[in-house]
Each structure stands twice: as C-alpha cells, then as structure tokens.
Protein backbone atom coordinates (compact mmCIF):
# COMPACT_ATOMS: atom_id res chain seq x y z
CA MET A 1 -33.83 28.70 129.53
CA ASN A 2 -31.38 25.65 128.87
CA VAL A 3 -31.09 25.45 125.19
CA ALA A 4 -31.26 21.46 125.52
CA GLN A 5 -34.70 21.71 126.91
CA THR A 6 -35.86 22.52 123.55
CA THR A 7 -34.98 19.13 122.09
CA THR A 8 -38.30 17.59 122.37
CA PRO A 9 -37.56 14.26 120.25
CA PHE A 10 -35.22 13.16 123.23
CA GLY A 11 -35.88 11.64 126.64
CA GLY A 12 -35.15 13.21 130.04
CA ILE A 13 -32.47 15.66 130.01
CA ASP A 14 -29.75 15.46 132.62
CA PRO A 15 -28.90 19.11 133.72
CA ARG A 16 -25.26 18.26 134.66
CA PRO A 17 -22.26 19.62 132.37
CA ILE A 18 -21.00 17.21 130.15
CA GLY A 19 -17.56 17.44 132.07
CA GLU A 20 -19.51 16.40 135.50
CA ILE A 21 -21.09 13.30 133.62
CA LEU A 22 -17.90 12.35 132.28
CA VAL A 23 -16.33 12.12 135.62
CA ALA A 24 -19.18 10.38 137.23
CA ALA A 25 -18.87 7.72 134.53
CA GLY A 26 -15.08 7.24 135.32
CA ALA A 27 -14.14 8.42 131.73
CA CYS A 28 -11.74 11.17 133.10
CA THR A 29 -10.69 13.12 136.10
CA ASP A 30 -11.78 16.32 137.74
CA GLU A 31 -8.29 17.88 136.83
CA GLN A 32 -8.65 16.86 133.29
CA VAL A 33 -11.97 18.56 132.93
CA ARG A 34 -10.48 21.63 134.67
CA ASP A 35 -7.61 21.66 132.13
CA ALA A 36 -10.16 21.24 129.27
CA LEU A 37 -12.18 24.31 130.77
CA GLU A 38 -9.06 26.49 130.82
CA ILE A 39 -8.27 25.58 127.01
CA GLN A 40 -11.99 26.64 126.37
CA LYS A 41 -11.58 30.00 127.85
CA GLU A 42 -8.47 30.64 126.05
CA ARG A 43 -9.67 29.48 122.37
CA GLY A 44 -13.27 28.19 122.49
CA GLY A 45 -14.74 25.05 121.83
CA LEU A 46 -16.78 22.27 123.39
CA THR A 47 -15.78 20.69 126.64
CA GLY A 48 -16.15 17.20 125.29
CA GLU A 49 -14.35 17.75 122.23
CA ILE A 50 -11.46 19.25 123.90
CA LEU A 51 -11.08 16.30 126.10
CA VAL A 52 -10.94 14.02 123.13
CA GLN A 53 -8.35 16.24 121.52
CA MET A 54 -6.24 15.86 124.74
CA THR A 55 -6.84 12.16 124.54
CA ALA A 56 -8.35 12.25 128.05
CA ILE A 57 -11.20 10.44 126.73
CA THR A 58 -12.34 8.43 123.52
CA GLN A 59 -14.91 9.76 120.99
CA LEU A 60 -17.12 6.75 122.07
CA GLN A 61 -16.91 7.64 125.64
CA LEU A 62 -17.99 11.31 124.71
CA THR A 63 -21.00 10.12 122.71
CA LYS A 64 -22.02 7.70 125.50
CA SER A 65 -21.86 10.52 127.82
CA LEU A 66 -24.04 12.84 125.45
CA GLY A 67 -26.54 9.95 125.26
CA ALA A 68 -26.84 9.96 128.84
CA GLN A 69 -27.13 13.99 129.07
CA PHE A 70 -30.05 14.13 126.55
CA GLY A 71 -31.65 10.57 127.10
CA MET A 72 -30.75 9.37 123.76
CA GLU A 73 -29.92 5.76 122.67
CA VAL A 74 -26.43 5.17 121.66
CA GLU A 75 -25.05 2.54 119.08
CA GLU A 76 -21.41 1.57 118.99
CA SER A 77 -21.73 0.54 115.21
CA ILE A 78 -24.31 0.68 112.27
CA ASP A 79 -25.04 -2.45 110.33
CA ILE A 80 -24.10 -0.77 106.90
CA GLU A 81 -25.75 -3.88 105.02
CA GLU A 82 -29.06 -3.15 106.73
CA ILE A 83 -29.23 0.47 105.52
CA ASP A 84 -32.06 1.44 103.23
CA VAL A 85 -29.89 3.20 100.88
CA SER A 86 -33.25 4.48 98.96
CA LEU A 87 -33.66 6.95 102.05
CA VAL A 88 -30.65 8.99 101.12
CA GLY A 89 -32.39 9.98 97.88
CA PRO A 90 -33.53 13.49 99.21
CA LEU A 91 -29.91 14.12 100.70
CA SER A 92 -26.73 14.99 99.07
CA MET A 93 -23.49 13.52 100.60
CA SER A 94 -22.11 16.59 101.61
CA TYR A 95 -25.31 17.59 103.47
CA ALA A 96 -25.47 14.31 105.41
CA LYS A 97 -21.65 14.71 106.39
CA GLU A 98 -22.01 18.46 107.41
CA ALA A 99 -25.19 17.99 109.25
CA GLY A 100 -23.83 14.71 110.83
CA VAL A 101 -26.95 12.63 109.99
CA LEU A 102 -28.06 9.53 108.23
CA PRO A 103 -31.67 8.09 107.95
CA THR A 104 -31.13 4.28 108.27
CA LEU A 105 -34.66 2.79 108.54
CA HIS A 106 -38.28 4.10 107.56
CA GLU A 107 -41.27 1.70 108.76
CA GLU A 108 -44.80 2.45 109.54
CA GLY A 109 -44.43 6.13 109.69
CA VAL A 110 -41.20 6.27 111.85
CA LEU A 111 -37.75 7.24 110.65
CA GLU A 112 -34.87 5.99 112.45
CA VAL A 113 -31.91 8.51 112.12
CA ALA A 114 -28.19 8.28 113.06
CA LEU A 115 -26.91 11.66 114.66
CA CYS A 116 -23.48 12.93 115.91
CA ASN A 117 -24.75 16.07 117.39
CA PRO A 118 -27.88 15.76 119.81
CA LEU A 119 -28.52 19.26 119.55
CA SER A 120 -29.31 19.10 115.65
CA VAL A 121 -32.85 20.18 116.07
CA ASP A 122 -33.23 21.97 113.11
CA VAL A 123 -31.68 19.15 110.96
CA LEU A 124 -34.57 16.67 112.47
CA ASP A 125 -37.15 19.16 111.56
CA ASP A 126 -35.86 19.12 107.88
CA LEU A 127 -36.14 15.41 107.87
CA ARG A 128 -39.45 15.39 109.29
CA VAL A 129 -40.55 17.60 106.32
CA MET A 130 -38.57 15.48 103.63
CA TYR A 131 -39.89 12.15 104.81
CA ASP A 132 -43.81 13.10 104.93
CA GLN A 133 -43.82 14.25 108.59
CA ALA A 134 -42.41 10.76 109.84
CA THR A 135 -41.98 10.54 113.58
CA ILE A 136 -38.18 10.89 114.08
CA GLU A 137 -36.21 8.36 116.09
CA PRO A 138 -32.85 9.46 116.50
CA TYR A 139 -29.94 7.77 118.07
CA LEU A 140 -26.23 8.82 118.53
CA VAL A 141 -23.17 7.50 116.98
CA THR A 142 -19.67 8.57 116.78
CA PRO A 143 -18.68 10.76 113.88
CA ASP A 144 -16.19 8.07 112.44
CA ILE A 145 -19.05 5.55 112.34
CA LEU A 146 -21.37 8.19 110.90
CA ASN A 147 -19.02 9.17 108.25
CA ASP A 148 -18.27 5.42 107.31
CA ALA A 149 -22.06 4.82 106.98
CA VAL A 150 -22.70 7.76 104.79
CA ASN A 151 -19.94 6.76 102.55
CA HIS A 152 -21.24 3.21 102.06
CA ALA A 153 -24.77 4.25 101.76
CA PHE A 154 -24.08 6.84 99.06
CA ASP A 155 -21.68 4.30 97.21
CA ARG A 156 -24.20 1.69 97.18
CA ARG A 157 -26.79 3.95 95.88
CA ALA A 158 -24.50 5.21 93.09
CA ARG A 159 -24.17 1.48 91.87
CA ALA A 160 -25.63 0.71 88.54
CA ASP A 161 -28.08 -1.72 90.17
CA GLN A 162 -29.27 0.66 92.42
CA VAL A 163 -29.87 3.52 89.83
CA VAL A 164 -31.72 0.93 87.75
CA ASP A 165 -34.15 0.25 90.74
CA ASP A 166 -34.70 3.90 91.36
CA MET A 167 -35.46 4.43 87.75
CA ALA A 168 -37.87 1.93 87.53
CA LYS A 169 -39.86 3.68 90.30
CA GLU A 170 -39.71 7.11 88.84
CA GLU A 171 -42.93 8.06 87.13
CA GLY A 172 -42.68 9.41 83.44
CA VAL A 173 -39.04 8.32 83.04
CA GLY A 174 -40.01 6.02 80.09
CA ASP A 175 -40.54 9.26 77.98
CA ILE A 176 -36.92 10.04 78.30
CA ALA A 177 -36.09 7.94 75.45
CA GLN A 178 -38.09 9.70 73.05
CA GLU A 179 -37.26 12.94 74.25
CA LEU A 180 -33.53 12.38 73.78
CA GLU A 181 -33.87 11.35 70.32
CA ASP A 182 -35.84 14.38 69.43
CA ALA A 183 -33.69 16.84 71.26
CA ALA A 184 -30.08 15.35 71.76
CA LYS A 185 -28.68 18.70 72.38
CA ASP A 186 -30.67 18.79 75.76
CA ILE A 187 -28.83 15.90 77.27
CA LEU A 188 -25.63 17.92 77.54
CA ASP A 189 -27.60 20.40 79.81
CA GLU A 190 -29.32 17.81 81.84
CA ASP A 191 -28.79 17.89 85.41
CA ASP A 192 -26.23 15.21 86.65
CA GLU A 193 -29.09 13.59 88.84
CA ALA A 194 -31.22 12.76 85.60
CA PRO A 195 -31.84 8.96 85.80
CA ILE A 196 -30.25 8.11 82.52
CA ILE A 197 -27.10 10.35 83.07
CA ARG A 198 -26.77 8.81 86.51
CA LEU A 199 -27.04 5.22 85.26
CA VAL A 200 -24.39 5.87 82.49
CA ASN A 201 -22.11 7.56 84.83
CA SER A 202 -22.59 5.02 87.57
CA VAL A 203 -21.80 2.20 85.11
CA LEU A 204 -18.65 3.85 84.05
CA ASN A 205 -17.47 4.73 87.64
CA GLN A 206 -18.20 1.06 88.65
CA ALA A 207 -16.21 -0.21 85.94
CA ALA A 208 -13.34 2.22 86.70
CA LYS A 209 -13.30 1.37 90.30
CA GLU A 210 -13.24 -2.44 89.52
CA LYS A 211 -10.71 -1.86 86.98
CA VAL A 212 -12.25 -3.75 84.16
CA SER A 213 -11.13 -3.84 80.80
CA ASP A 214 -14.31 -3.47 78.78
CA VAL A 215 -17.99 -2.53 79.21
CA HIS A 216 -20.48 -4.21 77.06
CA ILE A 217 -24.07 -2.79 76.65
CA GLU A 218 -26.13 -5.32 74.84
CA PRO A 219 -29.81 -4.81 73.78
CA MET A 220 -31.87 -8.07 74.11
CA GLU A 221 -35.34 -8.45 73.23
CA LYS A 222 -36.89 -7.45 76.69
CA TYR A 223 -34.02 -5.50 78.57
CA VAL A 224 -30.61 -3.90 78.15
CA LEU A 225 -27.65 -5.89 79.50
CA PHE A 226 -24.68 -4.54 80.99
CA ARG A 227 -21.58 -6.66 81.22
CA PHE A 228 -18.06 -6.17 82.37
CA ARG A 229 -14.86 -7.92 81.25
CA LYS A 230 -12.23 -8.50 83.72
CA ASP A 231 -9.14 -10.78 83.39
CA GLY A 232 -10.83 -12.15 79.93
CA VAL A 233 -14.05 -13.12 81.53
CA LEU A 234 -17.36 -11.28 80.96
CA ARG A 235 -19.92 -11.18 83.77
CA GLU A 236 -23.52 -9.67 84.04
CA VAL A 237 -23.64 -6.37 86.07
CA VAL A 238 -27.06 -4.98 85.79
CA ARG A 239 -30.02 -5.16 83.32
CA ALA A 240 -32.12 -2.10 82.54
CA PRO A 241 -35.58 -1.77 81.08
CA LYS A 242 -35.74 -2.17 77.38
CA ARG A 243 -37.68 1.33 77.43
CA PHE A 244 -34.38 3.24 78.44
CA GLN A 245 -32.39 1.53 75.56
CA PRO A 246 -32.47 4.57 73.04
CA ALA A 247 -31.64 7.04 75.77
CA ILE A 248 -28.85 4.96 77.15
CA THR A 249 -27.14 4.62 73.59
CA SER A 250 -27.95 8.51 72.93
CA ARG A 251 -26.17 9.41 76.07
CA ILE A 252 -23.21 7.28 75.35
CA LYS A 253 -22.85 8.49 71.78
CA ILE A 254 -23.12 12.04 72.67
CA MET A 255 -20.24 11.66 75.18
CA GLY A 256 -18.12 10.08 72.33
CA ASN A 257 -18.99 12.73 69.70
CA LEU A 258 -20.81 10.26 67.54
CA ASN A 259 -23.83 10.98 65.26
CA ILE A 260 -27.01 9.72 67.21
CA ALA A 261 -29.10 9.86 64.08
CA GLU A 262 -27.11 7.21 62.31
CA LYS A 263 -28.33 3.70 63.68
CA ARG A 264 -27.56 1.67 60.76
CA LEU A 265 -23.86 1.88 60.50
CA PRO A 266 -21.03 1.02 63.04
CA GLN A 267 -19.38 3.99 64.67
CA ASP A 268 -16.02 4.38 66.68
CA GLY A 269 -15.42 7.26 69.38
CA ARG A 270 -13.57 8.09 72.31
CA ILE A 271 -14.56 9.35 75.73
CA ARG A 272 -12.21 10.78 78.43
CA ILE A 273 -13.52 10.78 82.28
CA LYS A 274 -11.83 11.37 85.47
CA VAL A 275 -12.63 8.90 88.37
CA ALA A 276 -11.20 9.92 91.86
CA GLY A 277 -8.54 11.91 90.19
CA ARG A 278 -7.66 9.10 87.48
CA ASP A 279 -7.78 9.93 83.83
CA ILE A 280 -9.43 7.15 82.04
CA ASP A 281 -9.73 6.97 78.17
CA LEU A 282 -12.56 4.88 76.82
CA ARG A 283 -12.49 3.72 73.12
CA LEU A 284 -16.10 3.65 72.01
CA SER A 285 -17.63 1.17 69.33
CA THR A 286 -21.31 0.90 68.33
CA ILE A 287 -22.64 -1.85 66.22
CA PRO A 288 -26.31 -2.13 64.86
CA THR A 289 -27.83 -5.46 65.74
CA ALA A 290 -31.41 -6.96 65.65
CA HIS A 291 -32.52 -5.66 68.81
CA GLY A 292 -30.78 -2.10 68.63
CA GLU A 293 -27.30 -0.73 68.66
CA ARG A 294 -24.71 -2.72 70.75
CA VAL A 295 -21.94 -0.45 72.71
CA VAL A 296 -18.60 -1.59 73.75
CA MET A 297 -16.25 0.45 75.62
CA ARG A 298 -12.48 -0.25 76.28
CA LEU A 299 -11.01 1.40 79.16
CA LEU A 300 -7.44 2.67 79.27
CA ASP A 301 -6.31 4.00 82.63
CA LYS A 302 -3.36 6.39 81.93
CA THR A 303 -2.29 6.53 85.55
CA SER A 304 -1.74 2.87 86.09
CA THR A 305 0.15 2.20 83.02
CA THR A 306 3.59 1.05 83.40
CA LEU A 307 6.11 2.42 80.90
CA ASP A 308 9.20 0.65 82.00
CA LEU A 309 10.36 -2.55 79.92
CA LEU A 310 11.85 -4.01 83.33
CA ALA A 311 8.43 -3.79 85.04
CA LEU A 312 6.33 -5.64 82.29
CA GLY A 313 7.15 -9.22 83.40
CA MET A 314 9.51 -10.19 80.59
CA ARG A 315 12.65 -12.31 81.33
CA LYS A 316 15.88 -10.35 81.52
CA GLU A 317 17.14 -12.02 78.37
CA ILE A 318 14.19 -10.90 76.42
CA VAL A 319 14.40 -7.38 77.92
CA ASP A 320 18.12 -7.39 76.82
CA ASP A 321 17.17 -8.47 73.24
CA LEU A 322 14.31 -5.98 72.80
CA ASP A 323 16.47 -3.21 74.22
CA GLY A 324 19.28 -3.84 71.49
CA LEU A 325 16.59 -4.14 68.79
CA ILE A 326 14.76 -0.67 69.60
CA ARG A 327 18.15 1.13 69.71
CA ARG A 328 19.21 0.13 66.08
CA PRO A 329 19.14 2.99 63.47
CA ASN A 330 16.74 1.22 61.21
CA GLY A 331 14.45 -1.66 61.11
CA ILE A 332 10.99 -2.85 62.27
CA VAL A 333 9.56 -4.32 65.46
CA LEU A 334 6.53 -6.34 65.01
CA CYS A 335 4.35 -6.55 68.35
CA CYS A 336 1.42 -8.99 68.08
CA GLY A 337 -1.04 -10.31 70.51
CA PRO A 338 -4.77 -10.45 71.23
CA THR A 339 -6.70 -7.65 72.79
CA GLY A 340 -5.60 -6.42 76.22
CA SER A 341 -2.51 -8.31 75.90
CA GLY A 342 -0.15 -5.19 76.34
CA LYS A 343 0.70 -4.51 72.91
CA THR A 344 0.52 -0.63 73.30
CA THR A 345 2.11 -0.77 76.73
CA THR A 346 5.15 -2.74 75.39
CA LEU A 347 5.65 -0.45 72.34
CA TYR A 348 5.19 2.85 74.42
CA SER A 349 7.73 1.47 77.12
CA ALA A 350 9.95 0.92 74.41
CA LEU A 351 9.65 4.47 73.02
CA VAL A 352 10.05 5.62 76.71
CA THR A 353 13.40 3.72 77.12
CA ILE A 354 15.04 5.60 73.79
CA ASN A 355 13.38 8.83 74.40
CA LYS A 356 16.20 11.40 74.77
CA PRO A 357 16.46 15.00 74.01
CA GLU A 358 18.85 14.10 71.00
CA VAL A 359 16.28 11.58 69.57
CA ASN A 360 13.30 12.61 67.45
CA ILE A 361 10.44 10.44 67.75
CA LEU A 362 7.19 10.36 65.52
CA THR A 363 4.42 7.99 65.97
CA ILE A 364 1.41 7.21 63.61
CA GLU A 365 -1.24 5.90 65.53
CA ASP A 366 -5.05 4.94 64.77
CA PRO A 367 -6.67 5.49 67.09
CA VAL A 368 -4.36 8.10 68.77
CA GLU A 369 -3.60 6.85 72.25
C-alpha cells in the first residue's frame, strides 16, 4: 500500500514519483533527477530535498510539486499579522518547528494549519485532539516561510499585552494574588508558564529588546499600568487587571531579594537577567503609594556599555583634558548629570583608560555596578 494513501485529510493523490512531477512541471530535467537518485542511493535522503541541495530546483518549486502530488493547497506566504496567536497556546515553539506545523486560523470548528511536510499525519491527529476535534484544513508552505511565521507568532504571544489578555481569560487566576502573599516561597518553584511569571518575564524581555532605560509599574485605582522610558520619554505599554497587583509586586520583589512582607517602606534591590545572551542588570526600587507599591526598574545592559573615552562622543580637546586629569597622582574628578546621562559610563571609561598591571585601582560604589 502506498503510504501517502493513508493521508485522508488531503485531496486526490498523484501516484507519480516527485521527480517525475517536477520534470513535468518544467522545474528540472530528467538528468538532474537521475543524479539526485544516484546521490540518494549513496547517502539516503528525499529526492526533492536532494534536488534543492543541488540547486536544481527551489524550495518553493518543491513545495508546489508536493502540493500537486498530495492534492494540497500551496501558499507562497503567510500573512503574519492575520495569525491568531492564541492558537499557539497549546504548543511550544520547539514542537512547532520540529513538527513543521503552525495553526493560523480557527473558525466554526475548522482549523487552518500551515505544514511543511504533507506526510505529517500524526501531527494533524495531535492537533485534532488539542483543538477539540476540529476539522483540519492543512496547506503547504516552504520551511522558511513557516519558521518565520512561527517566530513571529510566538514573539507576539510573548509580548506583555498578549500575556495580559491570556491572563484575563484564565479561570481562577485572580486567586494567585492572595496565594502569593500567603506562600511567597512557592513562586520560586512555579512553572515558567504561570501567568504572573510569564507577564513579568515578558515585560522585562520586551524592555530589553526595545533597549529602554526604565520600566515603571504603577498601581492605579482600577488597574496596574506598565510604562517604558526610552530616550527620556515615558510611554504606556500595557494595563493589567487590578487584582493581579499583589502577585506582580511579589514576583518582582522576590526576583530582587526584597522583603515581600514590608509594604510601608521604600526598598531597593537588584535583579540580573539574561536576554538573548545579553547580561542585563536591573536596579529595583519600590515606593508605597495610596493605591499600592510602585515599582521602578532601571535597565543596565553590560554588553552594550562602551568603555572607551574616545567613543563617548566628547570633543577631542575635552578627552585630552580629561585624560590628563585622570593620570594625576592625586586629586578629585567630579562627574555630574541627570539620570541616564552617562556618569557611570564616563567614570568606568576613565578607569579602563588608566587600568594597567602596575596601577592599583579600588572603587567605592553604592550600589555596586
């Protein structure tokens, strides 16, 4: 029995080999197919993929031929803005990429699914179970198109606003606030997919990706406001339901090793996170207000810090004057400026300039950076 005949979700199946279909479509020649078959005998693999590796055909030509062979619709692109990102909730990104599958639309019991491999029958069966026995309508796309769509869908879902939407839809999440206050130690053991943890992580990841300088979490009378400061300007990012406020504050306090039981006094702490391989320090401050504790986090990206006086943007005559001052055996250099103006970067650049094996350097810092 032809294995392809078990793929009941598809239309009529063309019994011809893929090489013959490609030749008939004018995508390649008989000789190229014979060469591919010889390579297949030596090291295995699929004829179509070997032809792509030989650059005899393109990935899109192969996908269109597979669509013709299995009677499936082929799309040359996916409108990433039209993807319903809530559909990726039951999936992990690694599963979507390994299985070569992405649900894109679910309406009236019909689930549209982008596929790379038309023989992924077991994957379609899994999706049918995950999405309440929905009728699956698969269509083929190239692997590159699918991977881009998967990355975009999961990135959008990871953004703070989408996480808040997901939290609002989940039953029983409102109880998390009180549970976190009663059993703070449990939050450290919570699964990363817990709604509150996902929200906080998403806000921090988004802030790091956008290279903002500060994250403000402000409790209002009816909601919790998240704002980013970039280039000195604050902008609203997302609003979370008021009932999540204690849980959000507790999560951040624990990350910064602060006392979650103390809500009437200001506290300062420090958080270290890693985003896409970048080490980022966060200075954390909490201040009690009429509607709850306000949280401010200053982001310091260690990997992006320039420690070279010449690269700081000063005029050459100023750099020369500063270089002469920092090389004196005694004295004091006063560095003043508003928050985020580059005081610390300037001082550390000066230290790097004079840092040599024969020089002993001791710094006194509060907080230590």
